[in-house]
PDB file of N, CA and C in Angstrom:
ATOM      1  N   UNK A   1     125.464  85.202 122.836  1.00  0.00           N
ATOM      2  CA  UNK A   1     125.961  84.018 123.509  1.00  0.00           C
ATOM      3  C   UNK A   1     127.122  83.468 122.688  1.00  0.00           C
ATOM      4  N   UNK A   2     128.227  83.208 123.378  1.00  0.00           N
ATOM      5  CA  UNK A   2     129.420  82.700 122.715  1.00  0.00           C
ATOM      6  C   UNK A   2     129.514  81.196 122.929  1.00  0.00           C
ATOM      7  N   UNK A   3     129.699  80.459 121.849  1.00  0.00           N
ATOM      8  CA  UNK A   3     129.846  79.006 121.910  1.00  0.00           C
ATOM      9  C   UNK A   3     131.308  78.678 121.647  1.00  0.00           C
ATOM     10  N   UNK A   4     131.882  77.845 122.512  1.00  0.00           N
ATOM     11  CA  UNK A   4     133.294  77.483 122.365  1.00  0.00           C
ATOM     12  C   UNK A   4     133.534  76.731 121.065  1.00  0.00           C
ATOM     13  N   UNK A   5     134.729  76.856 120.551  1.00  0.00           N
ATOM     14  CA  UNK A   5     135.207  76.229 119.316  1.00  0.00           C
ATOM     15  C   UNK A   5     134.584  76.840 118.061  1.00  0.00           C
ATOM     16  N   UNK A   6     133.808  77.875 118.197  1.00  0.00           N
ATOM     17  CA  UNK A   6     133.255  78.583 117.042  1.00  0.00           C
ATOM     18  C   UNK A   6     133.764  80.018 117.068  1.00  0.00           C
ATOM     19  N   UNK A   7     134.140  80.540 115.924  1.00  0.00           N
ATOM     20  CA  UNK A   7     134.599  81.929 115.922  1.00  0.00           C
ATOM     21  C   UNK A   7     133.433  82.879 116.204  1.00  0.00           C
ATOM     22  N   UNK A   8     133.772  84.057 116.720  1.00  0.00           N
ATOM     23  CA  UNK A   8     132.740  85.049 116.987  1.00  0.00           C
ATOM     24  C   UNK A   8     132.122  85.506 115.661  1.00  0.00           C
ATOM     25  N   UNK A   9     130.833  85.736 115.636  1.00  0.00           N
ATOM     26  CA  UNK A   9     130.230  86.231 114.398  1.00  0.00           C
ATOM     27  C   UNK A   9     130.708  87.648 114.107  1.00  0.00           C
ATOM     28  N   UNK A  10     130.942  87.912 112.846  1.00  0.00           N
ATOM     29  CA  UNK A  10     131.411  89.236 112.440  1.00  0.00           C
ATOM     30  C   UNK A  10     130.222  90.121 112.106  1.00  0.00           C
ATOM     31  N   UNK A  11     130.499  91.368 111.915  1.00  0.00           N
ATOM     32  CA  UNK A  11     129.452  92.319 111.550  1.00  0.00           C
ATOM     33  C   UNK A  11     128.875  91.978 110.176  1.00  0.00           C
ATOM     34  N   UNK A  12     129.709  91.496 109.273  1.00  0.00           N
ATOM     35  CA  UNK A  12     129.234  91.123 107.939  1.00  0.00           C
ATOM     36  C   UNK A  12     128.246  89.967 108.025  1.00  0.00           C
ATOM     37  N   UNK A  13     128.509  88.988 108.894  1.00  0.00           N
ATOM     38  CA  UNK A  13     127.579  87.869 109.060  1.00  0.00           C
ATOM     39  C   UNK A  13     126.240  88.353 109.603  1.00  0.00           C
ATOM     40  N   UNK A  14     126.299  89.249 110.564  1.00  0.00           N
ATOM     41  CA  UNK A  14     125.064  89.790 111.138  1.00  0.00           C
ATOM     42  C   UNK A  14     124.289  90.576 110.089  1.00  0.00           C
ATOM     43  N   UNK A  15     124.991  91.310 109.229  1.00  0.00           N
ATOM     44  CA  UNK A  15     124.338  92.084 108.187  1.00  0.00           C
ATOM     45  C   UNK A  15     123.628  91.171 107.190  1.00  0.00           C
ATOM     46  N   UNK A  16     124.250  90.054 106.828  1.00  0.00           N
ATOM     47  CA  UNK A  16     123.624  89.103 105.914  1.00  0.00           C
ATOM     48  C   UNK A  16     122.352  88.519 106.523  1.00  0.00           C
ATOM     49  N   UNK A  17     122.374  88.220 107.803  1.00  0.00           N
ATOM     50  CA  UNK A  17     121.194  87.691 108.483  1.00  0.00           C
ATOM     51  C   UNK A  17     120.084  88.732 108.483  1.00  0.00           C
ATOM     52  N   UNK A  18     120.426  89.996 108.753  1.00  0.00           N
ATOM     53  CA  UNK A  18     119.428  91.058 108.748  1.00  0.00           C
ATOM     54  C   UNK A  18     118.809  91.228 107.365  1.00  0.00           C
ATOM     55  N   UNK A  19     119.629  91.132 106.325  1.00  0.00           N
ATOM     56  CA  UNK A  19     119.113  91.255 104.971  1.00  0.00           C
ATOM     57  C   UNK A  19     118.160  90.114 104.646  1.00  0.00           C
ATOM     58  N   UNK A  20     118.496  88.905 105.064  1.00  0.00           N
ATOM     59  CA  UNK A  20     117.610  87.767 104.824  1.00  0.00           C
ATOM     60  C   UNK A  20     116.290  87.940 105.572  1.00  0.00           C
ATOM     61  N   UNK A  21     116.343  88.393 106.818  1.00  0.00           N
ATOM     62  CA  UNK A  21     115.123  88.623 107.571  1.00  0.00           C
ATOM     63  C   UNK A  21     114.284  89.711 106.914  1.00  0.00           C
ATOM     64  N   UNK A  22     114.948  90.750 106.414  1.00  0.00           N
ATOM     65  CA  UNK A  22     114.250  91.844 105.766  1.00  0.00           C
ATOM     66  C   UNK A  22     113.510  91.352 104.523  1.00  0.00           C
ATOM     67  N   UNK A  23     114.139  90.466 103.765  1.00  0.00           N
ATOM     68  CA  UNK A  23     113.516  89.958 102.541  1.00  0.00           C
ATOM     69  C   UNK A  23     112.327  89.069 102.854  1.00  0.00           C
ATOM     70  N   UNK A  24     112.386  88.308 103.916  1.00  0.00           N
ATOM     71  CA  UNK A  24     111.304  87.371 104.199  1.00  0.00           C
ATOM     72  C   UNK A  24     110.145  88.036 104.933  1.00  0.00           C
ATOM     73  N   UNK A  25     110.416  89.023 105.777  1.00  0.00           N
ATOM     74  CA  UNK A  25     109.351  89.614 106.584  1.00  0.00           C
ATOM     75  C   UNK A  25     108.615  90.743 105.879  1.00  0.00           C
ATOM     76  N   UNK A  26     109.307  91.514 105.094  1.00  0.00           N
ATOM     77  CA  UNK A  26     108.692  92.671 104.453  1.00  0.00           C
ATOM     78  C   UNK A  26     108.348  92.353 103.002  1.00  0.00           C
ATOM     79  N   UNK A  27     107.239  91.699 102.803  1.00  0.00           N
ATOM     80  CA  UNK A  27     106.794  91.375 101.453  1.00  0.00           C
ATOM     81  C   UNK A  27     105.802  92.452 101.040  1.00  0.00           C
ATOM     82  N   UNK A  28     106.206  93.270 100.095  1.00  0.00           N
ATOM     83  CA  UNK A  28     105.365  94.362  99.624  1.00  0.00           C
ATOM     84  C   UNK A  28     105.168  94.176  98.132  1.00  0.00           C
ATOM     85  N   UNK A  29     103.938  94.233  97.710  1.00  0.00           N
ATOM     86  CA  UNK A  29     103.615  94.047  96.308  1.00  0.00           C
ATOM     87  C   UNK A  29     103.381  95.409  95.667  1.00  0.00           C
ATOM     88  N   UNK A  30     103.960  95.630  94.505  1.00  0.00           N
ATOM     89  CA  UNK A  30     103.806  96.881  93.772  1.00  0.00           C
ATOM     90  C   UNK A  30     102.834  96.647  92.625  1.00  0.00           C
ATOM     91  N   UNK A  31     101.871  97.538  92.495  1.00  0.00           N
ATOM     92  CA  UNK A  31     100.874  97.417  91.435  1.00  0.00           C
ATOM     93  C   UNK A  31     100.343  98.798  91.098  1.00  0.00           C
ATOM     94  N   UNK A  32      99.424  98.866  90.164  1.00  0.00           N
ATOM     95  CA  UNK A  32      98.778 100.135  89.827  1.00  0.00           C
ATOM     96  C   UNK A  32      97.434 100.213  90.535  1.00  0.00           C
ATOM     97  N   UNK A  33      96.956 101.411  90.715  1.00  0.00           N
ATOM     98  CA  UNK A  33      95.722 101.639  91.455  1.00  0.00           C
ATOM     99  C   UNK A  33      94.511 101.004  90.758  1.00  0.00           C
ATOM    100  N   UNK A  34      94.514 100.981  89.435  1.00  0.00           N
ATOM    101  CA  UNK A  34      93.369 100.428  88.700  1.00  0.00           C
ATOM    102  C   UNK A  34      93.225  98.914  88.908  1.00  0.00           C
ATOM    103  N   UNK A  35      94.288  98.222  89.302  1.00  0.00           N
ATOM    104  CA  UNK A  35      94.235  96.774  89.501  1.00  0.00           C
ATOM    105  C   UNK A  35      93.725  96.379  90.880  1.00  0.00           C
ATOM    106  N   UNK A  36      93.558  97.347  91.756  1.00  0.00           N
ATOM    107  CA  UNK A  36      93.122  97.096  93.130  1.00  0.00           C
ATOM    108  C   UNK A  36      91.599  97.114  93.209  1.00  0.00           C
ATOM    109  N   UNK A  37      91.022  96.262  94.042  1.00  0.00           N
ATOM    110  CA  UNK A  37      89.571  96.245  94.234  1.00  0.00           C
ATOM    111  C   UNK A  37      89.142  97.382  95.153  1.00  0.00           C
ATOM    112  N   UNK A  38      87.928  97.915  94.979  1.00  0.00           N
ATOM    113  CA  UNK A  38      87.447  98.971  95.877  1.00  0.00           C
ATOM    114  C   UNK A  38      87.389  98.477  97.320  1.00  0.00           C
ATOM    115  N   UNK A  39      87.815  99.327  98.245  1.00  0.00           N
ATOM    116  CA  UNK A  39      87.807  98.976  99.657  1.00  0.00           C
ATOM    117  C   UNK A  39      89.105  98.379 100.161  1.00  0.00           C
ATOM    118  N   UNK A  40      90.083  98.152  99.302  1.00  0.00           N
ATOM    119  CA  UNK A  40      91.361  97.586  99.728  1.00  0.00           C
ATOM    120  C   UNK A  40      92.310  98.681 100.179  1.00  0.00           C
ATOM    121  N   UNK A  41      93.257  98.305 101.042  1.00  0.00           N
ATOM    122  CA  UNK A  41      94.226  99.238 101.606  1.00  0.00           C
ATOM    123  C   UNK A  41      95.480  99.294 100.752  1.00  0.00           C
ATOM    124  N   UNK A  42      96.131 100.473 100.738  1.00  0.00           N
ATOM    125  CA  UNK A  42      97.388 100.628 100.008  1.00  0.00           C
ATOM    126  C   UNK A  42      98.162 101.808 100.563  1.00  0.00           C
ATOM    127  N   UNK A  43      99.453 101.867 100.189  1.00  0.00           N
ATOM    128  CA  UNK A  43     100.331 102.989 100.515  1.00  0.00           C
ATOM    129  C   UNK A  43     100.855 103.578  99.219  1.00  0.00           C
ATOM    130  N   UNK A  44     101.206 104.852  99.261  1.00  0.00           N
ATOM    131  CA  UNK A  44     101.769 105.491  98.081  1.00  0.00           C
ATOM    132  C   UNK A  44     103.275 105.293  97.973  1.00  0.00           C
ATOM    133  N   UNK A  45     103.947 105.070  99.110  1.00  0.00           N
ATOM    134  CA  UNK A  45     105.379 104.775  99.154  1.00  0.00           C
ATOM    135  C   UNK A  45     105.581 103.635 100.138  1.00  0.00           C
ATOM    136  N   UNK A  46     106.596 102.800  99.948  1.00  0.00           N
ATOM    137  CA  UNK A  46     106.761 101.660 100.854  1.00  0.00           C
ATOM    138  C   UNK A  46     107.092 102.067 102.286  1.00  0.00           C
ATOM    139  N   UNK A  47     107.769 103.198 102.475  1.00  0.00           N
ATOM    140  CA  UNK A  47     108.142 103.620 103.827  1.00  0.00           C
ATOM    141  C   UNK A  47     107.141 104.593 104.450  1.00  0.00           C
ATOM    142  N   UNK A  48     106.074 104.931 103.744  1.00  0.00           N
ATOM    143  CA  UNK A  48     105.124 105.911 104.262  1.00  0.00           C
ATOM    144  C   UNK A  48     104.260 105.333 105.380  1.00  0.00           C
ATOM    145  N   UNK A  49     103.789 106.210 106.259  1.00  0.00           N
ATOM    146  CA  UNK A  49     102.931 105.792 107.367  1.00  0.00           C
ATOM    147  C   UNK A  49     101.458 105.927 107.020  1.00  0.00           C
ATOM    148  N   UNK A  50     101.127 106.705 106.007  1.00  0.00           N
ATOM    149  CA  UNK A  50      99.745 106.920 105.599  1.00  0.00           C
ATOM    150  C   UNK A  50      99.233 105.698 104.845  1.00  0.00           C
ATOM    151  N   UNK A  51      98.045 105.266 105.238  1.00  0.00           N
ATOM    152  CA  UNK A  51      97.382 104.156 104.565  1.00  0.00           C
ATOM    153  C   UNK A  51      96.074 104.695 103.980  1.00  0.00           C
ATOM    154  N   UNK A  52      95.805 104.325 102.735  1.00  0.00           N
ATOM    155  CA  UNK A  52      94.607 104.794 102.054  1.00  0.00           C
ATOM    156  C   UNK A  52      93.695 103.617 101.712  1.00  0.00           C
ATOM    157  N   UNK A  53      92.430 103.937 101.508  1.00  0.00           N
ATOM    158  CA  UNK A  53      91.431 102.962 101.085  1.00  0.00           C
ATOM    159  C   UNK A  53      90.941 103.396  99.708  1.00  0.00           C
ATOM    160  N   UNK A  54      90.935 102.463  98.766  1.00  0.00           N
ATOM    161  CA  UNK A  54      90.489 102.790  97.417  1.00  0.00           C
ATOM    162  C   UNK A  54      88.973 102.931  97.396  1.00  0.00           C
ATOM    163  N   UNK A  55      88.529 104.031  96.814  1.00  0.00           N
ATOM    164  CA  UNK A  55      87.097 104.291  96.694  1.00  0.00           C
ATOM    165  C   UNK A  55      86.620 104.063  95.270  1.00  0.00           C
ATOM    166  N   UNK A  56      85.613 104.807  94.888  1.00  0.00           N
ATOM    167  CA  UNK A  56      85.003 104.627  93.569  1.00  0.00           C
ATOM    168  C   UNK A  56      85.705 105.473  92.504  1.00  0.00           C
ATOM    169  N   UNK A  57      85.447 105.116  91.251  1.00  0.00           N
ATOM    170  CA  UNK A  57      86.011 105.849  90.119  1.00  0.00           C
ATOM    171  C   UNK A  57      85.062 106.968  89.746  1.00  0.00           C
ATOM    172  N   UNK A  58      85.593 108.166  89.589  1.00  0.00           N
ATOM    173  CA  UNK A  58      84.788 109.326  89.210  1.00  0.00           C
ATOM    174  C   UNK A  58      85.053 109.643  87.743  1.00  0.00           C
ATOM    175  N   UNK A  59      84.069 109.442  86.915  1.00  0.00           N
ATOM    176  CA  UNK A  59      84.266 109.630  85.472  1.00  0.00           C
ATOM    177  C   UNK A  59      84.570 111.073  85.112  1.00  0.00           C
ATOM    178  N   UNK A  60      83.912 112.006  85.778  1.00  0.00           N
ATOM    179  CA  UNK A  60      84.126 113.409  85.468  1.00  0.00           C
ATOM    180  C   UNK A  60      85.567 113.829  85.760  1.00  0.00           C
ATOM    181  N   UNK A  61      86.118 113.341  86.850  1.00  0.00           N
ATOM    182  CA  UNK A  61      87.504 113.653  87.225  1.00  0.00           C
ATOM    183  C   UNK A  61      88.510 112.752  86.516  1.00  0.00           C
ATOM    184  N   UNK A  62      88.072 111.575  86.070  1.00  0.00           N
ATOM    185  CA  UNK A  62      88.931 110.539  85.491  1.00  0.00           C
ATOM    186  C   UNK A  62      89.978 110.076  86.492  1.00  0.00           C
ATOM    187  N   UNK A  63      89.555 109.958  87.757  1.00  0.00           N
ATOM    188  CA  UNK A  63      90.443 109.548  88.838  1.00  0.00           C
ATOM    189  C   UNK A  63      89.663 108.726  89.866  1.00  0.00           C
ATOM    190  N   UNK A  64      90.417 108.007  90.698  1.00  0.00           N
ATOM    191  CA  UNK A  64      89.820 107.252  91.790  1.00  0.00           C
ATOM    192  C   UNK A  64      89.802 108.093  93.059  1.00  0.00           C
ATOM    193  N   UNK A  65      88.753 107.939  93.830  1.00  0.00           N
ATOM    194  CA  UNK A  65      88.664 108.565  95.141  1.00  0.00           C
ATOM    195  C   UNK A  65      89.391 107.666  96.133  1.00  0.00           C
ATOM    196  N   UNK A  66      90.324 108.224  96.901  1.00  0.00           N
ATOM    197  CA  UNK A  66      91.092 107.462  97.889  1.00  0.00           C
ATOM    198  C   UNK A  66      90.971 108.157  99.234  1.00  0.00           C
ATOM    199  N   UNK A  67      90.552 107.416 100.255  1.00  0.00           N
ATOM    200  CA  UNK A  67      90.262 107.963 101.572  1.00  0.00           C
ATOM    201  C   UNK A  67      91.385 107.596 102.531  1.00  0.00           C
ATOM    202  N   UNK A  68      91.801 108.559 103.355  1.00  0.00           N
ATOM    203  CA  UNK A  68      92.805 108.326 104.389  1.00  0.00           C
ATOM    204  C   UNK A  68      92.216 107.391 105.437  1.00  0.00           C
ATOM    205  N   UNK A  69      92.974 106.359 105.835  1.00  0.00           N
ATOM    206  CA  UNK A  69      92.486 105.363 106.787  1.00  0.00           C
ATOM    207  C   UNK A  69      92.217 105.967 108.159  1.00  0.00           C
ATOM    208  N   UNK A  70      93.067 106.889 108.611  1.00  0.00           N
ATOM    209  CA  UNK A  70      92.939 107.457 109.950  1.00  0.00           C
ATOM    210  C   UNK A  70      91.929 108.592 110.027  1.00  0.00           C
ATOM    211  N   UNK A  71      91.672 109.288 108.938  1.00  0.00           N
ATOM    212  CA  UNK A  71      90.740 110.405 108.931  1.00  0.00           C
ATOM    213  C   UNK A  71      89.880 110.314 107.671  1.00  0.00           C
ATOM    214  N   UNK A  72      88.642 109.886 107.823  1.00  0.00           N
ATOM    215  CA  UNK A  72      87.800 109.647 106.644  1.00  0.00           C
ATOM    216  C   UNK A  72      87.367 110.935 105.959  1.00  0.00           C
ATOM    217  N   UNK A  73      87.623 112.089 106.578  1.00  0.00           N
ATOM    218  CA  UNK A  73      87.300 113.363 105.938  1.00  0.00           C
ATOM    219  C   UNK A  73      88.367 113.782 104.933  1.00  0.00           C
ATOM    220  N   UNK A  74      89.527 113.166 104.979  1.00  0.00           N
ATOM    221  CA  UNK A  74      90.589 113.467 104.026  1.00  0.00           C
ATOM    222  C   UNK A  74      90.454 112.540 102.831  1.00  0.00           C
ATOM    223  N   UNK A  75      90.412 113.137 101.658  1.00  0.00           N
ATOM    224  CA  UNK A  75      90.219 112.361 100.436  1.00  0.00           C
ATOM    225  C   UNK A  75      91.177 112.880  99.371  1.00  0.00           C
ATOM    226  N   UNK A  76      91.738 111.959  98.611  1.00  0.00           N
ATOM    227  CA  UNK A  76      92.620 112.301  97.496  1.00  0.00           C
ATOM    228  C   UNK A  76      92.056 111.680  96.234  1.00  0.00           C
ATOM    229  N   UNK A  77      92.334 112.320  95.115  1.00  0.00           N
ATOM    230  CA  UNK A  77      91.917 111.800  93.829  1.00  0.00           C
ATOM    231  C   UNK A  77      93.173 111.449  93.037  1.00  0.00           C
ATOM    232  N   UNK A  78      93.346 110.157  92.773  1.00  0.00           N
ATOM    233  CA  UNK A  78      94.558 109.662  92.122  1.00  0.00           C
ATOM    234  C   UNK A  78      94.240 109.060  90.764  1.00  0.00           C
ATOM    235  N   UNK A  79      95.194 109.193  89.856  1.00  0.00           N
ATOM    236  CA  UNK A  79      95.053 108.620  88.519  1.00  0.00           C
ATOM    237  C   UNK A  79      95.063 107.098  88.606  1.00  0.00           C
ATOM    238  N   UNK A  80      94.387 106.412  87.672  1.00  0.00           N
ATOM    239  CA  UNK A  80      94.379 104.936  87.691  1.00  0.00           C
ATOM    240  C   UNK A  80      95.754 104.316  87.491  1.00  0.00           C
ATOM    241  N   UNK A  81      96.686 105.036  86.889  1.00  0.00           N
ATOM    242  CA  UNK A  81      98.024 104.486  86.629  1.00  0.00           C
ATOM    243  C   UNK A  81      99.013 104.781  87.753  1.00  0.00           C
ATOM    244  N   UNK A  82      98.540 105.305  88.882  1.00  0.00           N
ATOM    245  CA  UNK A  82      99.418 105.588  90.014  1.00  0.00           C
ATOM    246  C   UNK A  82      99.971 104.283  90.580  1.00  0.00           C
ATOM    247  N   UNK A  83     101.278 104.240  90.798  1.00  0.00           N
ATOM    248  CA  UNK A  83     101.932 103.055  91.358  1.00  0.00           C
ATOM    249  C   UNK A  83     101.725 103.059  92.867  1.00  0.00           C
ATOM    250  N   UNK A  84     101.256 101.924  93.411  1.00  0.00           N
ATOM    251  CA  UNK A  84     100.970 101.817  94.836  1.00  0.00           C
ATOM    252  C   UNK A  84     101.613 100.555  95.398  1.00  0.00           C
ATOM    253  N   UNK A  85     101.690 100.481  96.726  1.00  0.00           N
ATOM    254  CA  UNK A  85     102.257  99.338  97.423  1.00  0.00           C
ATOM    255  C   UNK A  85     101.175  98.700  98.288  1.00  0.00           C
ATOM    256  N   UNK A  86     101.060  97.364  98.205  1.00  0.00           N
ATOM    257  CA  UNK A  86     100.043  96.630  98.948  1.00  0.00           C
ATOM    258  C   UNK A  86     100.701  95.494  99.723  1.00  0.00           C
ATOM    259  N   UNK A  87      99.898  94.755 100.468  1.00  0.00           N
ATOM    260  CA  UNK A  87     100.328  93.599 101.265  1.00  0.00           C
ATOM    261  C   UNK A  87     101.427  93.986 102.257  1.00  0.00           C
ATOM    262  N   UNK A  88     101.076  94.856 103.170  1.00  0.00           N
ATOM    263  CA  UNK A  88     101.984  95.322 104.201  1.00  0.00           C
ATOM    264  C   UNK A  88     101.296  95.182 105.543  1.00  0.00           C
ATOM    265  N   UNK A  89     102.047  95.355 106.611  1.00  0.00           N
ATOM    266  CA  UNK A  89     101.490  95.310 107.966  1.00  0.00           C
ATOM    267  C   UNK A  89     101.504  96.706 108.536  1.00  0.00           C
ATOM    268  N   UNK A  90     100.381  97.074 109.181  1.00  0.00           N
ATOM    269  CA  UNK A  90     100.351  98.380 109.847  1.00  0.00           C
ATOM    270  C   UNK A  90      99.607  98.286 111.155  1.00  0.00           C
TER     271      UNK A  90
END
């Protein structure tokens, strides 16, 4: 919508608005797997579609059991120092 007496918005102005929206809407927290409580959701990369659930710690393996959210038969064993992303929308 064009308003009289105001210049047309430029592409740079639109880009700044998009960047501001991106910063406010996509709040992703980065942490290590050991700091997460069992049963919480996380991603391994911020842009990934796979969501995992943190399971129990296996002493023999020295890793955490992590279950795929969409298929509970898929399980991964990750080190406690693995960097993960939390507080996202899916």
